[in-house]
Amino acid sequence: MGKYSVYAVASGRNPGLYSSWGETESQVRQYSGSQYKGFHSVEAAQAYMESMNAVADALSNQAISEHRSGTTSQVWQLENPSTQQ
């Protein structure tokens, strides 16, 4: 048996929970920006997925708000100096 009993793929080809590293690897290998983590329980994996979804929702809401107001976040400006005026 592998190191973990369940793997959570928050960002990959098909986000979700997987029961083996082989299944998980096929979802994240050569997938730019993949986010995944192994857990010893399904409950912990589900909590991770819920927290990752909450973060994604918050970032999405921030981006929508900034788009509507015509502003750009400070983080974006720091990471991309060419966008600063």
PDB file of N, CA and C in Angstrom:
ATOM      1  N   MET A   1       0.841  -1.184   0.000  1.00  0.00           N
ATOM      2  CA  MET A   1       0.000   0.000   0.000  1.00  0.00           C
ATOM      3  C   MET A   1       0.879   1.237   0.000  1.00  0.00           C
ATOM      4  N   GLY A   2       0.378   2.326  -0.621  1.00  0.00           N
ATOM      5  CA  GLY A   2       1.136   3.561  -0.717  1.00  0.00           C
ATOM      6  C   GLY A   2       1.227   4.298   0.603  1.00  0.00           C
ATOM      7  N   LYS A   3       1.904   5.402   0.548  1.00  0.00           N
ATOM      8  CA  LYS A   3       2.109   6.226   1.736  1.00  0.00           C
ATOM      9  C   LYS A   3       0.797   6.807   2.270  1.00  0.00           C
ATOM     10  N   TYR A   4      -0.109   7.154   1.363  1.00  0.00           N
ATOM     11  CA  TYR A   4      -1.389   7.748   1.749  1.00  0.00           C
ATOM     12  C   TYR A   4      -2.541   6.885   1.226  1.00  0.00           C
ATOM     13  N   SER A   5      -3.688   6.996   1.888  1.00  0.00           N
ATOM     14  CA  SER A   5      -4.838   6.207   1.456  1.00  0.00           C
ATOM     15  C   SER A   5      -5.729   6.965   0.477  1.00  0.00           C
ATOM     16  N   VAL A   6      -5.578   8.291   0.442  1.00  0.00           N
ATOM     17  CA  VAL A   6      -6.376   9.103  -0.475  1.00  0.00           C
ATOM     18  C   VAL A   6      -5.572  10.327  -0.894  1.00  0.00           C
ATOM     19  N   TYR A   7      -5.751  10.726  -2.133  1.00  0.00           N
ATOM     20  CA  TYR A   7      -5.081  11.898  -2.685  1.00  0.00           C
ATOM     21  C   TYR A   7      -6.134  12.872  -3.179  1.00  0.00           C
ATOM     22  N   ALA A   8      -5.929  14.140  -2.876  1.00  0.00           N
ATOM     23  CA  ALA A   8      -6.839  15.197  -3.314  1.00  0.00           C
ATOM     24  C   ALA A   8      -6.158  16.005  -4.402  1.00  0.00           C
ATOM     25  N   VAL A   9      -6.813  16.122  -5.540  1.00  0.00           N
ATOM     26  CA  VAL A   9      -6.317  16.937  -6.653  1.00  0.00           C
ATOM     27  C   VAL A   9      -7.210  18.169  -6.726  1.00  0.00           C
ATOM     28  N   ALA A  10      -6.666  19.308  -6.286  1.00  0.00           N
ATOM     29  CA  ALA A  10      -7.425  20.559  -6.312  1.00  0.00           C
ATOM     30  C   ALA A  10      -7.355  21.205  -7.686  1.00  0.00           C
ATOM     31  N   SER A  11      -6.213  21.061  -8.343  1.00  0.00           N
ATOM     32  CA  SER A  11      -6.024  21.620  -9.676  1.00  0.00           C
ATOM     33  C   SER A  11      -5.277  20.589 -10.509  1.00  0.00           C
ATOM     34  N   GLY A  12      -5.941  20.095 -11.536  1.00  0.00           N
ATOM     35  CA  GLY A  12      -5.371  19.071 -12.402  1.00  0.00           C
ATOM     36  C   GLY A  12      -6.339  18.804 -13.539  1.00  0.00           C
ATOM     37  N   ARG A  13      -6.097  17.750 -14.292  1.00  0.00           N
ATOM     38  CA  ARG A  13      -6.987  17.440 -15.415  1.00  0.00           C
ATOM     39  C   ARG A  13      -8.428  17.229 -14.948  1.00  0.00           C
ATOM     40  N   ASN A  14      -8.599  16.447 -13.895  1.00  0.00           N
ATOM     41  CA  ASN A  14      -9.919  16.170 -13.320  1.00  0.00           C
ATOM     42  C   ASN A  14      -9.814  16.270 -11.803  1.00  0.00           C
ATOM     43  N   PRO A  15     -10.060  17.458 -11.230  1.00  0.00           N
ATOM     44  CA  PRO A  15      -9.972  17.613  -9.785  1.00  0.00           C
ATOM     45  C   PRO A  15     -10.904  16.643  -9.063  1.00  0.00           C
ATOM     46  N   GLY A  16     -10.449  16.176  -7.916  1.00  0.00           N
ATOM     47  CA  GLY A  16     -11.251  15.247  -7.134  1.00  0.00           C
ATOM     48  C   GLY A  16     -10.380  14.433  -6.206  1.00  0.00           C
ATOM     49  N   LEU A  17     -10.953  13.379  -5.633  1.00  0.00           N
ATOM     50  CA  LEU A  17     -10.242  12.492  -4.725  1.00  0.00           C
ATOM     51  C   LEU A  17      -9.898  11.190  -5.439  1.00  0.00           C
ATOM     52  N   TYR A  18      -8.704  10.687  -5.182  1.00  0.00           N
ATOM     53  CA  TYR A  18      -8.214   9.460  -5.815  1.00  0.00           C
ATOM     54  C   TYR A  18      -7.632   8.535  -4.758  1.00  0.00           C
ATOM     55  N   SER A  19      -7.741   7.234  -5.000  1.00  0.00           N
ATOM     56  CA  SER A  19      -7.320   6.250  -4.001  1.00  0.00           C
ATOM     57  C   SER A  19      -5.922   5.693  -4.232  1.00  0.00           C
ATOM     58  N   SER A  20      -5.246   6.131  -5.291  1.00  0.00           N
ATOM     59  CA  SER A  20      -3.878   5.652  -5.523  1.00  0.00           C
ATOM     60  C   SER A  20      -3.026   6.755  -6.142  1.00  0.00           C
ATOM     61  N   TRP A  21      -1.718   6.633  -5.951  1.00  0.00           N
ATOM     62  CA  TRP A  21      -0.818   7.613  -6.538  1.00  0.00           C
ATOM     63  C   TRP A  21      -0.856   7.525  -8.066  1.00  0.00           C
ATOM     64  N   GLY A  22      -1.002   6.340  -8.608  1.00  0.00           N
ATOM     65  CA  GLY A  22      -1.058   6.176 -10.062  1.00  0.00           C
ATOM     66  C   GLY A  22      -2.191   6.968 -10.690  1.00  0.00           C
ATOM     67  N   GLU A  23      -3.368   6.878 -10.076  1.00  0.00           N
ATOM     68  CA  GLU A  23      -4.517   7.658 -10.562  1.00  0.00           C
ATOM     69  C   GLU A  23      -4.248   9.151 -10.427  1.00  0.00           C
ATOM     70  N   THR A  24      -3.679   9.525  -9.298  1.00  0.00           N
ATOM     71  CA  THR A  24      -3.393  10.932  -9.028  1.00  0.00           C
ATOM     72  C   THR A  24      -2.369  11.469 -10.014  1.00  0.00           C
ATOM     73  N   GLU A  25      -1.308  10.708 -10.205  1.00  0.00           N
ATOM     74  CA  GLU A  25      -0.235  11.150 -11.093  1.00  0.00           C
ATOM     75  C   GLU A  25      -0.748  11.412 -12.503  1.00  0.00           C
ATOM     76  N   SER A  26      -1.671  10.578 -12.974  1.00  0.00           N
ATOM     77  CA  SER A  26      -2.201  10.786 -14.328  1.00  0.00           C
ATOM     78  C   SER A  26      -3.002  12.086 -14.431  1.00  0.00           C
ATOM     79  N   GLN A  27      -3.466  12.610 -13.296  1.00  0.00           N
ATOM     80  CA  GLN A  27      -4.214  13.860 -13.293  1.00  0.00           C
ATOM     81  C   GLN A  27      -3.327  15.096 -13.189  1.00  0.00           C
ATOM     82  N   VAL A  28      -2.129  14.933 -12.617  1.00  0.00           N
ATOM     83  CA  VAL A  28      -1.294  16.110 -12.336  1.00  0.00           C
ATOM     84  C   VAL A  28       0.015  16.153 -13.124  1.00  0.00           C
ATOM     85  N   ARG A  29       0.462  15.019 -13.623  1.00  0.00           N
ATOM     86  CA  ARG A  29       1.739  14.994 -14.341  1.00  0.00           C
ATOM     87  C   ARG A  29       1.649  15.838 -15.609  1.00  0.00           C
ATOM     88  N   GLN A  30       2.636  16.695 -15.775  1.00  0.00           N
ATOM     89  CA  GLN A  30       2.732  17.613 -16.916  1.00  0.00           C
ATOM     90  C   GLN A  30       1.501  18.528 -17.025  1.00  0.00           C
ATOM     91  N   TYR A  31       0.898  18.827 -15.898  1.00  0.00           N
ATOM     92  CA  TYR A  31      -0.211  19.772 -15.834  1.00  0.00           C
ATOM     93  C   TYR A  31       0.312  21.002 -15.099  1.00  0.00           C
ATOM     94  N   SER A  32       0.503  22.077 -15.825  1.00  0.00           N
ATOM     95  CA  SER A  32       1.066  23.292 -15.247  1.00  0.00           C
ATOM     96  C   SER A  32       0.163  23.841 -14.152  1.00  0.00           C
ATOM     97  N   GLY A  33       0.741  24.096 -12.992  1.00  0.00           N
ATOM     98  CA  GLY A  33      -0.003  24.665 -11.886  1.00  0.00           C
ATOM     99  C   GLY A  33      -0.821  23.668 -11.097  1.00  0.00           C
ATOM    100  N   SER A  34      -0.523  22.385 -11.259  1.00  0.00           N
ATOM    101  CA  SER A  34      -1.295  21.380 -10.519  1.00  0.00           C
ATOM    102  C   SER A  34      -1.106  21.554  -9.011  1.00  0.00           C
ATOM    103  N   GLN A  35      -2.160  21.251  -8.275  1.00  0.00           N
ATOM    104  CA  GLN A  35      -2.127  21.317  -6.817  1.00  0.00           C
ATOM    105  C   GLN A  35      -2.762  20.042  -6.288  1.00  0.00           C
ATOM    106  N   TYR A  36      -2.004  19.310  -5.491  1.00  0.00           N
ATOM    107  CA  TYR A  36      -2.499  18.047  -4.962  1.00  0.00           C
ATOM    108  C   TYR A  36      -1.791  17.733  -3.654  1.00  0.00           C
ATOM    109  N   LYS A  37      -2.391  16.813  -2.890  1.00  0.00           N
ATOM    110  CA  LYS A  37      -1.836  16.470  -1.596  1.00  0.00           C
ATOM    111  C   LYS A  37      -2.370  15.111  -1.166  1.00  0.00           C
ATOM    112  N   GLY A  38      -1.535  14.347  -0.469  1.00  0.00           N
ATOM    113  CA  GLY A  38      -1.939  13.047   0.042  1.00  0.00           C
ATOM    114  C   GLY A  38      -2.436  13.136   1.475  1.00  0.00           C
ATOM    115  N   PHE A  39      -3.398  12.263   1.821  1.00  0.00           N
ATOM    116  CA  PHE A  39      -3.990  12.256   3.152  1.00  0.00           C
ATOM    117  C   PHE A  39      -4.187  10.829   3.639  1.00  0.00           C
ATOM    118  N   HIS A  40      -4.332  10.698   4.959  1.00  0.00           N
ATOM    119  CA  HIS A  40      -4.582   9.396   5.570  1.00  0.00           C
ATOM    120  C   HIS A  40      -6.074   9.127   5.737  1.00  0.00           C
ATOM    121  N   SER A  41      -6.914  10.149   5.520  1.00  0.00           N
ATOM    122  CA  SER A  41      -8.363   9.945   5.642  1.00  0.00           C
ATOM    123  C   SER A  41      -9.104  10.732   4.568  1.00  0.00           C
ATOM    124  N   VAL A  42     -10.249  10.208   4.198  1.00  0.00           N
ATOM    125  CA  VAL A  42     -11.101  10.874   3.215  1.00  0.00           C
ATOM    126  C   VAL A  42     -11.582  12.216   3.767  1.00  0.00           C
ATOM    127  N   GLU A  43     -11.881  12.258   5.060  1.00  0.00           N
ATOM    128  CA  GLU A  43     -12.372  13.494   5.685  1.00  0.00           C
ATOM    129  C   GLU A  43     -11.344  14.623   5.565  1.00  0.00           C
ATOM    130  N   ALA A  44     -10.081  14.283   5.813  1.00  0.00           N
ATOM    131  CA  ALA A  44      -9.026  15.299   5.710  1.00  0.00           C
ATOM    132  C   ALA A  44      -8.873  15.767   4.262  1.00  0.00           C
ATOM    133  N   ALA A  45      -8.972  14.834   3.317  1.00  0.00           N
ATOM    134  CA  ALA A  45      -8.868  15.189   1.898  1.00  0.00           C
ATOM    135  C   ALA A  45     -10.027  16.083   1.481  1.00  0.00           C
ATOM    136  N   GLN A  46     -11.227  15.773   1.967  1.00  0.00           N
ATOM    137  CA  GLN A  46     -12.395  16.593   1.644  1.00  0.00           C
ATOM    138  C   GLN A  46     -12.257  17.992   2.239  1.00  0.00           C
ATOM    139  N   ALA A  47     -11.729  18.081   3.446  1.00  0.00           N
ATOM    140  CA  ALA A  47     -11.524  19.392   4.073  1.00  0.00           C
ATOM    141  C   ALA A  47     -10.528  20.215   3.266  1.00  0.00           C
ATOM    142  N   TYR A  48      -9.474  19.576   2.768  1.00  0.00           N
ATOM    143  CA  TYR A  48      -8.482  20.255   1.922  1.00  0.00           C
ATOM    144  C   TYR A  48      -9.154  20.786   0.652  1.00  0.00           C
ATOM    145  N   MET A  49      -9.966  19.952   0.017  1.00  0.00           N
ATOM    146  CA  MET A  49     -10.639  20.372  -1.216  1.00  0.00           C
ATOM    147  C   MET A  49     -11.574  21.551  -0.938  1.00  0.00           C
ATOM    148  N   GLU A  50     -12.282  21.509   0.171  1.00  0.00           N
ATOM    149  CA  GLU A  50     -13.178  22.611   0.525  1.00  0.00           C
ATOM    150  C   GLU A  50     -12.390  23.894   0.770  1.00  0.00           C
ATOM    151  N   SER A  51     -11.243  23.782   1.441  1.00  0.00           N
ATOM    152  CA  SER A  51     -10.433  24.982   1.691  1.00  0.00           C
ATOM    153  C   SER A  51      -9.855  25.527   0.394  1.00  0.00           C
ATOM    154  N   MET A  52      -9.447  24.647  -0.504  1.00  0.00           N
ATOM    155  CA  MET A  52      -8.911  25.103  -1.794  1.00  0.00           C
ATOM    156  C   MET A  52     -10.005  25.757  -2.629  1.00  0.00           C
ATOM    157  N   ASN A  53     -11.212  25.237  -2.556  1.00  0.00           N
ATOM    158  CA  ASN A  53     -12.336  25.845  -3.273  1.00  0.00           C
ATOM    159  C   ASN A  53     -12.660  27.216  -2.698  1.00  0.00           C
ATOM    160  N   ALA A  54     -12.565  27.355  -1.386  1.00  0.00           N
ATOM    161  CA  ALA A  54     -12.836  28.649  -0.752  1.00  0.00           C
ATOM    162  C   ALA A  54     -11.808  29.684  -1.189  1.00  0.00           C
ATOM    163  N   VAL A  55     -10.554  29.288  -1.272  1.00  0.00           N
ATOM    164  CA  VAL A  55      -9.494  30.193  -1.725  1.00  0.00           C
ATOM    165  C   VAL A  55      -9.738  30.589  -3.177  1.00  0.00           C
ATOM    166  N   ALA A  56     -10.057  29.617  -4.011  1.00  0.00           N
ATOM    167  CA  ALA A  56     -10.315  29.907  -5.426  1.00  0.00           C
ATOM    168  C   ALA A  56     -11.503  30.848  -5.585  1.00  0.00           C
ATOM    169  N   ASP A  57     -12.553  30.614  -4.796  1.00  0.00           N
ATOM    170  CA  ASP A  57     -13.727  31.491  -4.863  1.00  0.00           C
ATOM    171  C   ASP A  57     -13.370  32.917  -4.449  1.00  0.00           C
ATOM    172  N   ALA A  58     -12.590  33.045  -3.388  1.00  0.00           N
ATOM    173  CA  ALA A  58     -12.196  34.374  -2.913  1.00  0.00           C
ATOM    174  C   ALA A  58     -11.369  35.103  -3.963  1.00  0.00           C
ATOM    175  N   LEU A  59     -10.429  34.402  -4.577  1.00  0.00           N
ATOM    176  CA  LEU A  59      -9.598  35.024  -5.615  1.00  0.00           C
ATOM    177  C   LEU A  59     -10.434  35.402  -6.827  1.00  0.00           C
ATOM    178  N   SER A  60     -11.370  34.557  -7.192  1.00  0.00           N
ATOM    179  CA  SER A  60     -12.243  34.844  -8.319  1.00  0.00           C
ATOM    180  C   SER A  60     -13.102  36.071  -8.032  1.00  0.00           C
ATOM    181  N   ASN A  61     -13.659  36.135  -6.832  1.00  0.00           N
ATOM    182  CA  ASN A  61     -14.478  37.293  -6.458  1.00  0.00           C
ATOM    183  C   ASN A  61     -13.657  38.570  -6.460  1.00  0.00           C
ATOM    184  N   GLN A  62     -12.402  38.483  -6.005  1.00  0.00           N
ATOM    185  CA  GLN A  62     -11.522  39.649  -6.006  1.00  0.00           C
ATOM    186  C   GLN A  62     -11.252  40.100  -7.439  1.00  0.00           C
ATOM    187  N   ALA A  63     -10.974  39.154  -8.317  1.00  0.00           N
ATOM    188  CA  ALA A  63     -10.685  39.490  -9.710  1.00  0.00           C
ATOM    189  C   ALA A  63     -11.897  40.133 -10.381  1.00  0.00           C
ATOM    190  N   ILE A  64     -13.083  39.608 -10.111  1.00  0.00           N
ATOM    191  CA  ILE A  64     -14.305  40.175 -10.685  1.00  0.00           C
ATOM    192  C   ILE A  64     -14.511  41.602 -10.178  1.00  0.00           C
ATOM    193  N   SER A  65     -14.325  41.781  -8.885  1.00  0.00           N
ATOM    194  CA  SER A  65     -14.487  43.100  -8.288  1.00  0.00           C
ATOM    195  C   SER A  65     -13.488  44.099  -8.884  1.00  0.00           C
ATOM    196  N   GLU A  66     -12.243  43.674  -9.026  1.00  0.00           N
ATOM    197  CA  GLU A  66     -11.215  44.557  -9.596  1.00  0.00           C
ATOM    198  C   GLU A  66     -11.518  44.879 -11.050  1.00  0.00           C
ATOM    199  N   HIS A  67     -12.010  43.900 -11.780  1.00  0.00           N
ATOM    200  CA  HIS A  67     -12.343  44.131 -13.183  1.00  0.00           C
ATOM    201  C   HIS A  67     -13.459  45.172 -13.289  1.00  0.00           C
ATOM    202  N   ARG A  68     -14.469  45.035 -12.450  1.00  0.00           N
ATOM    203  CA  ARG A  68     -15.602  45.971 -12.479  1.00  0.00           C
ATOM    204  C   ARG A  68     -15.188  47.379 -12.080  1.00  0.00           C
ATOM    205  N   SER A  69     -14.245  47.484 -11.139  1.00  0.00           N
ATOM    206  CA  SER A  69     -13.845  48.813 -10.662  1.00  0.00           C
ATOM    207  C   SER A  69     -12.672  49.390 -11.461  1.00  0.00           C
ATOM    208  N   GLY A  70     -12.073  48.575 -12.322  1.00  0.00           N
ATOM    209  CA  GLY A  70     -10.949  49.048 -13.125  1.00  0.00           C
ATOM    210  C   GLY A  70      -9.642  49.128 -12.366  1.00  0.00           C
ATOM    211  N   THR A  71      -9.541  48.437 -11.236  1.00  0.00           N
ATOM    212  CA  THR A  71      -8.300  48.433 -10.448  1.00  0.00           C
ATOM    213  C   THR A  71      -7.567  47.116 -10.626  1.00  0.00           C
ATOM    214  N   THR A  72      -6.317  47.119 -10.206  1.00  0.00           N
ATOM    215  CA  THR A  72      -5.493  45.917 -10.244  1.00  0.00           C
ATOM    216  C   THR A  72      -4.921  45.708  -8.861  1.00  0.00           C
ATOM    217  N   SER A  73      -4.894  44.460  -8.412  1.00  0.00           N
ATOM    218  CA  SER A  73      -4.401  44.194  -7.058  1.00  0.00           C
ATOM    219  C   SER A  73      -2.921  44.516  -6.937  1.00  0.00           C
ATOM    220  N   GLN A  74      -2.515  44.879  -5.738  1.00  0.00           N
ATOM    221  CA  GLN A  74      -1.113  45.189  -5.457  1.00  0.00           C
ATOM    222  C   GLN A  74      -0.222  43.991  -5.747  1.00  0.00           C
ATOM    223  N   VAL A  75      -0.698  42.783  -5.447  1.00  0.00           N
ATOM    224  CA  VAL A  75       0.101  41.577  -5.700  1.00  0.00           C
ATOM    225  C   VAL A  75       0.413  41.469  -7.182  1.00  0.00           C
ATOM    226  N   TRP A  76      -0.583  41.671  -8.017  1.00  0.00           N
ATOM    227  CA  TRP A  76      -0.369  41.587  -9.459  1.00  0.00           C
ATOM    228  C   TRP A  76       0.664  42.624  -9.895  1.00  0.00           C
ATOM    229  N   GLN A  77       0.586  43.824  -9.365  1.00  0.00           N
ATOM    230  CA  GLN A  77       1.520  44.869  -9.739  1.00  0.00           C
ATOM    231  C   GLN A  77       2.927  44.512  -9.314  1.00  0.00           C
ATOM    232  N   LEU A  78       3.089  43.927  -8.135  1.00  0.00           N
ATOM    233  CA  LEU A  78       4.418  43.547  -7.660  1.00  0.00           C
ATOM    234  C   LEU A  78       5.012  42.422  -8.476  1.00  0.00           C
ATOM    235  N   GLU A  79       4.176  41.471  -8.890  1.00  0.00           N
ATOM    236  CA  GLU A  79       4.673  40.332  -9.641  1.00  0.00           C
ATOM    237  C   GLU A  79       4.920  40.676 -11.105  1.00  0.00           C
ATOM    238  N   ASN A  80       4.277  41.714 -11.608  1.00  0.00           N
ATOM    239  CA  ASN A  80       4.380  42.088 -13.007  1.00  0.00           C
ATOM    240  C   ASN A  80       4.715  43.571 -13.137  1.00  0.00           C
ATOM    241  N   PRO A  81       5.972  43.928 -12.913  1.00  0.00           N
ATOM    242  CA  PRO A  81       6.351  45.344 -12.901  1.00  0.00           C
ATOM    243  C   PRO A  81       6.018  46.059 -14.218  1.00  0.00           C
ATOM    244  N   SER A  82       5.952  45.355 -15.312  1.00  0.00           N
ATOM    245  CA  SER A  82       5.681  45.997 -16.600  1.00  0.00           C
ATOM    246  C   SER A  82       4.276  46.590 -16.652  1.00  0.00           C
ATOM    247  N   THR A  83       3.372  46.185 -15.725  1.00  0.00           N
ATOM    248  CA  THR A  83       2.028  46.727 -15.724  1.00  0.00           C
ATOM    249  C   THR A  83       1.904  47.987 -14.892  1.00  0.00           C
ATOM    250  N   GLN A  84       2.956  48.335 -14.160  1.00  0.00           N
ATOM    251  CA  GLN A  84       2.914  49.537 -13.323  1.00  0.00           C
ATOM    252  C   GLN A  84       3.103  50.777 -14.179  1.00  0.00           C
ATOM    253  N   GLN A  85       2.425  51.833 -13.788  1.00  0.00           N
ATOM    254  CA  GLN A  85       2.530  53.084 -14.549  1.00  0.00           C
ATOM    255  C   GLN A  85       3.425  54.061 -13.862  1.00  0.00           C
TER     256      GLN A  85
END
